[in-house]
Amino acid sequence: MLSAMRTTVTLDADTEQIVRRRMAERQQSVTQALTEAIRDGASAQVGPTPFRMRTFSMGPSRVDLDQARHLSQISRTRNCFAA
Protein backbone atom coordinates (compact mmCIF):
# COMPACT_ATOMS: atom_id res chain seq x y z
CA MET A 1 0.00 0.00 0.00
CA LEU A 2 1.19 3.48 -0.82
CA SER A 3 1.92 5.84 2.01
CA ALA A 4 0.86 9.48 1.99
CA MET A 5 3.43 12.21 1.58
CA ARG A 6 2.93 15.51 3.33
CA THR A 7 4.38 18.49 1.49
CA THR A 8 3.91 22.17 0.72
CA VAL A 9 2.87 23.05 -2.82
CA THR A 10 2.94 26.52 -4.36
CA LEU A 11 0.37 26.90 -7.12
CA ASP A 12 0.17 29.50 -9.86
CA ALA A 13 -3.03 31.56 -9.83
CA ASP A 14 -4.61 29.65 -12.73
CA THR A 15 -3.94 26.22 -11.23
CA GLU A 16 -5.15 27.40 -7.85
CA GLN A 17 -8.46 28.31 -9.49
CA ILE A 18 -8.70 24.85 -11.04
CA VAL A 19 -8.20 23.21 -7.64
CA ARG A 20 -10.62 25.58 -5.90
CA ARG A 21 -13.27 25.00 -8.59
CA ARG A 22 -12.83 21.25 -8.25
CA MET A 23 -13.12 21.53 -4.46
CA ALA A 24 -16.40 23.43 -4.74
CA GLU A 25 -17.92 21.27 -7.48
CA ARG A 26 -17.07 17.96 -5.84
CA GLN A 27 -17.08 19.04 -2.21
CA GLN A 28 -13.52 17.83 -1.74
CA SER A 29 -10.62 18.83 0.42
CA VAL A 30 -7.55 20.53 -1.06
CA THR A 31 -5.68 17.23 -0.87
CA GLN A 32 -8.39 15.27 -2.67
CA ALA A 33 -8.89 17.91 -5.38
CA LEU A 34 -5.17 18.29 -6.03
CA THR A 35 -4.57 14.55 -6.07
CA GLU A 36 -7.37 13.97 -8.59
CA ALA A 37 -6.23 16.88 -10.75
CA ILE A 38 -2.72 15.42 -10.89
CA ARG A 39 -4.05 11.94 -11.70
CA ASP A 40 -6.33 13.31 -14.42
CA GLY A 41 -3.48 15.25 -15.98
CA ALA A 42 -1.03 12.36 -15.75
CA SER A 43 -3.45 9.90 -17.33
CA ALA A 44 -4.49 12.19 -20.19
CA GLN A 45 -3.25 10.86 -23.48
CA VAL A 46 -1.58 13.57 -25.48
CA GLY A 47 -1.19 12.72 -29.12
CA PRO A 48 0.12 14.58 -32.11
CA THR A 49 -1.92 17.48 -33.41
CA PRO A 50 -3.98 16.37 -36.42
CA PHE A 51 -2.68 17.70 -39.73
CA ARG A 52 -4.92 20.36 -41.24
CA MET A 53 -4.45 21.50 -44.82
CA ARG A 54 -5.29 25.15 -45.30
CA THR A 55 -7.12 25.77 -48.53
CA PHE A 56 -7.93 28.95 -50.36
CA SER A 57 -10.39 29.79 -53.08
CA MET A 58 -8.58 30.63 -56.29
CA GLY A 59 -11.74 31.66 -58.07
CA PRO A 60 -13.18 30.02 -61.14
CA SER A 61 -10.86 28.09 -63.45
CA ARG A 62 -9.58 29.98 -66.47
CA VAL A 63 -9.30 26.81 -68.53
CA ASP A 64 -11.71 24.02 -69.34
CA LEU A 65 -10.60 21.31 -66.93
CA ASP A 66 -12.37 18.70 -69.04
CA GLN A 67 -9.57 19.24 -71.50
CA ALA A 68 -6.78 18.68 -68.95
CA ARG A 69 -5.30 15.75 -70.87
CA HIS A 70 -5.09 17.82 -74.01
CA LEU A 71 -3.50 20.69 -72.08
CA SER A 72 -0.86 18.41 -70.59
CA GLN A 73 0.05 17.12 -74.04
CA ILE A 74 0.37 20.66 -75.36
CA SER A 75 2.51 21.71 -72.41
CA ARG A 76 4.89 18.78 -73.03
CA THR A 77 5.34 19.60 -76.68
CA ARG A 78 5.79 23.32 -76.07
CA ASN A 79 7.83 22.86 -72.89
CA CYS A 80 5.70 25.51 -71.16
CA PHE A 81 6.81 24.60 -67.68
CA ALA A 82 10.55 24.51 -68.25
CA ALA A 83 12.64 26.29 -65.63
C-alpha atoms as a PDB file:
ATOM      1  CA  MET A   1       0.000   0.000   0.000  1.00  0.00           C
ATOM      2  CA  LEU A   2       1.191   3.481  -0.822  1.00  0.00           C
ATOM      3  CA  SER A   3       1.919   5.841   2.009  1.00  0.00           C
ATOM      4  CA  ALA A   4       0.859   9.475   1.985  1.00  0.00           C
ATOM      5  CA  MET A   5       3.433  12.208   1.583  1.00  0.00           C
ATOM      6  CA  ARG A   6       2.932  15.513   3.328  1.00  0.00           C
ATOM      7  CA  THR A   7       4.376  18.490   1.487  1.00  0.00           C
ATOM      8  CA  THR A   8       3.914  22.165   0.717  1.00  0.00           C
ATOM      9  CA  VAL A   9       2.870  23.052  -2.817  1.00  0.00           C
ATOM     10  CA  THR A  10       2.942  26.524  -4.356  1.00  0.00           C
ATOM     11  CA  LEU A  11       0.368  26.895  -7.125  1.00  0.00           C
ATOM     12  CA  ASP A  12       0.165  29.504  -9.858  1.00  0.00           C
ATOM     13  CA  ALA A  13      -3.030  31.556  -9.828  1.00  0.00           C
ATOM     14  CA  ASP A  14      -4.611  29.648 -12.733  1.00  0.00           C
ATOM     15  CA  THR A  15      -3.936  26.221 -11.230  1.00  0.00           C
ATOM     16  CA  GLU A  16      -5.153  27.403  -7.852  1.00  0.00           C
ATOM     17  CA  GLN A  17      -8.460  28.314  -9.487  1.00  0.00           C
ATOM     18  CA  ILE A  18      -8.697  24.851 -11.036  1.00  0.00           C
ATOM     19  CA  VAL A  19      -8.195  23.208  -7.643  1.00  0.00           C
ATOM     20  CA  ARG A  20     -10.620  25.578  -5.903  1.00  0.00           C
ATOM     21  CA  ARG A  21     -13.266  25.002  -8.589  1.00  0.00           C
ATOM     22  CA  ARG A  22     -12.834  21.247  -8.248  1.00  0.00           C
ATOM     23  CA  MET A  23     -13.119  21.525  -4.457  1.00  0.00           C
ATOM     24  CA  ALA A  24     -16.400  23.432  -4.737  1.00  0.00           C
ATOM     25  CA  GLU A  25     -17.920  21.267  -7.484  1.00  0.00           C
ATOM     26  CA  ARG A  26     -17.072  17.960  -5.838  1.00  0.00           C
ATOM     27  CA  GLN A  27     -17.082  19.041  -2.207  1.00  0.00           C
ATOM     28  CA  GLN A  28     -13.521  17.831  -1.739  1.00  0.00           C
ATOM     29  CA  SER A  29     -10.618  18.830   0.417  1.00  0.00           C
ATOM     30  CA  VAL A  30      -7.553  20.531  -1.065  1.00  0.00           C
ATOM     31  CA  THR A  31      -5.684  17.235  -0.873  1.00  0.00           C
ATOM     32  CA  GLN A  32      -8.394  15.272  -2.675  1.00  0.00           C
ATOM     33  CA  ALA A  33      -8.890  17.913  -5.381  1.00  0.00           C
ATOM     34  CA  LEU A  34      -5.167  18.294  -6.026  1.00  0.00           C
ATOM     35  CA  THR A  35      -4.573  14.547  -6.068  1.00  0.00           C
ATOM     36  CA  GLU A  36      -7.374  13.968  -8.585  1.00  0.00           C
ATOM     37  CA  ALA A  37      -6.233  16.876 -10.753  1.00  0.00           C
ATOM     38  CA  ILE A  38      -2.717  15.421 -10.886  1.00  0.00           C
ATOM     39  CA  ARG A  39      -4.046  11.942 -11.696  1.00  0.00           C
ATOM     40  CA  ASP A  40      -6.335  13.308 -14.420  1.00  0.00           C
ATOM     41  CA  GLY A  41      -3.479  15.247 -15.984  1.00  0.00           C
ATOM     42  CA  ALA A  42      -1.030  12.357 -15.752  1.00  0.00           C
ATOM     43  CA  SER A  43      -3.447   9.901 -17.329  1.00  0.00           C
ATOM     44  CA  ALA A  44      -4.485  12.194 -20.188  1.00  0.00           C
ATOM     45  CA  GLN A  45      -3.248  10.857 -23.478  1.00  0.00           C
ATOM     46  CA  VAL A  46      -1.575  13.566 -25.477  1.00  0.00           C
ATOM     47  CA  GLY A  47      -1.192  12.718 -29.118  1.00  0.00           C
ATOM     48  CA  PRO A  48       0.115  14.575 -32.110  1.00  0.00           C
ATOM     49  CA  THR A  49      -1.921  17.478 -33.412  1.00  0.00           C
ATOM     50  CA  PRO A  50      -3.975  16.373 -36.424  1.00  0.00           C
ATOM     51  CA  PHE A  51      -2.685  17.700 -39.728  1.00  0.00           C
ATOM     52  CA  ARG A  52      -4.922  20.358 -41.241  1.00  0.00           C
ATOM     53  CA  MET A  53      -4.452  21.502 -44.821  1.00  0.00           C
ATOM     54  CA  ARG A  54      -5.293  25.150 -45.296  1.00  0.00           C
ATOM     55  CA  THR A  55      -7.118  25.769 -48.535  1.00  0.00           C
ATOM     56  CA  PHE A  56      -7.930  28.952 -50.364  1.00  0.00           C
ATOM     57  CA  SER A  57     -10.388  29.785 -53.076  1.00  0.00           C
ATOM     58  CA  MET A  58      -8.578  30.626 -56.286  1.00  0.00           C
ATOM     59  CA  GLY A  59     -11.739  31.656 -58.066  1.00  0.00           C
ATOM     60  CA  PRO A  60     -13.178  30.016 -61.142  1.00  0.00           C
ATOM     61  CA  SER A  61     -10.860  28.092 -63.449  1.00  0.00           C
ATOM     62  CA  ARG A  62      -9.577  29.985 -66.474  1.00  0.00           C
ATOM     63  CA  VAL A  63      -9.300  26.811 -68.528  1.00  0.00           C
ATOM     64  CA  ASP A  64     -11.710  24.021 -69.337  1.00  0.00           C
ATOM     65  CA  LEU A  65     -10.596  21.306 -66.929  1.00  0.00           C
ATOM     66  CA  ASP A  66     -12.373  18.696 -69.038  1.00  0.00           C
ATOM     67  CA  GLN A  67      -9.571  19.237 -71.495  1.00  0.00           C
ATOM     68  CA  ALA A  68      -6.784  18.679 -68.951  1.00  0.00           C
ATOM     69  CA  ARG A  69      -5.299  15.747 -70.867  1.00  0.00           C
ATOM     70  CA  HIS A  70      -5.087  17.817 -74.009  1.00  0.00           C
ATOM     71  CA  LEU A  71      -3.503  20.693 -72.082  1.00  0.00           C
ATOM     72  CA  SER A  72      -0.862  18.405 -70.592  1.00  0.00           C
ATOM     73  CA  GLN A  73       0.053  17.118 -74.043  1.00  0.00           C
ATOM     74  CA  ILE A  74       0.367  20.665 -75.362  1.00  0.00           C
ATOM     75  CA  SER A  75       2.506  21.708 -72.411  1.00  0.00           C
ATOM     76  CA  ARG A  76       4.888  18.780 -73.029  1.00  0.00           C
ATOM     77  CA  THR A  77       5.336  19.603 -76.679  1.00  0.00           C
ATOM     78  CA  ARG A  78       5.785  23.322 -76.067  1.00  0.00           C
ATOM     79  CA  ASN A  79       7.829  22.858 -72.890  1.00  0.00           C
ATOM     80  CA  CYS A  80       5.698  25.511 -71.157  1.00  0.00           C
ATOM     81  CA  PHE A  81       6.813  24.598 -67.675  1.00  0.00           C
ATOM     82  CA  ALA A  82      10.549  24.510 -68.250  1.00  0.00           C
ATOM     83  CA  ALA A  83      12.635  26.289 -65.634  1.00  0.00           C
END
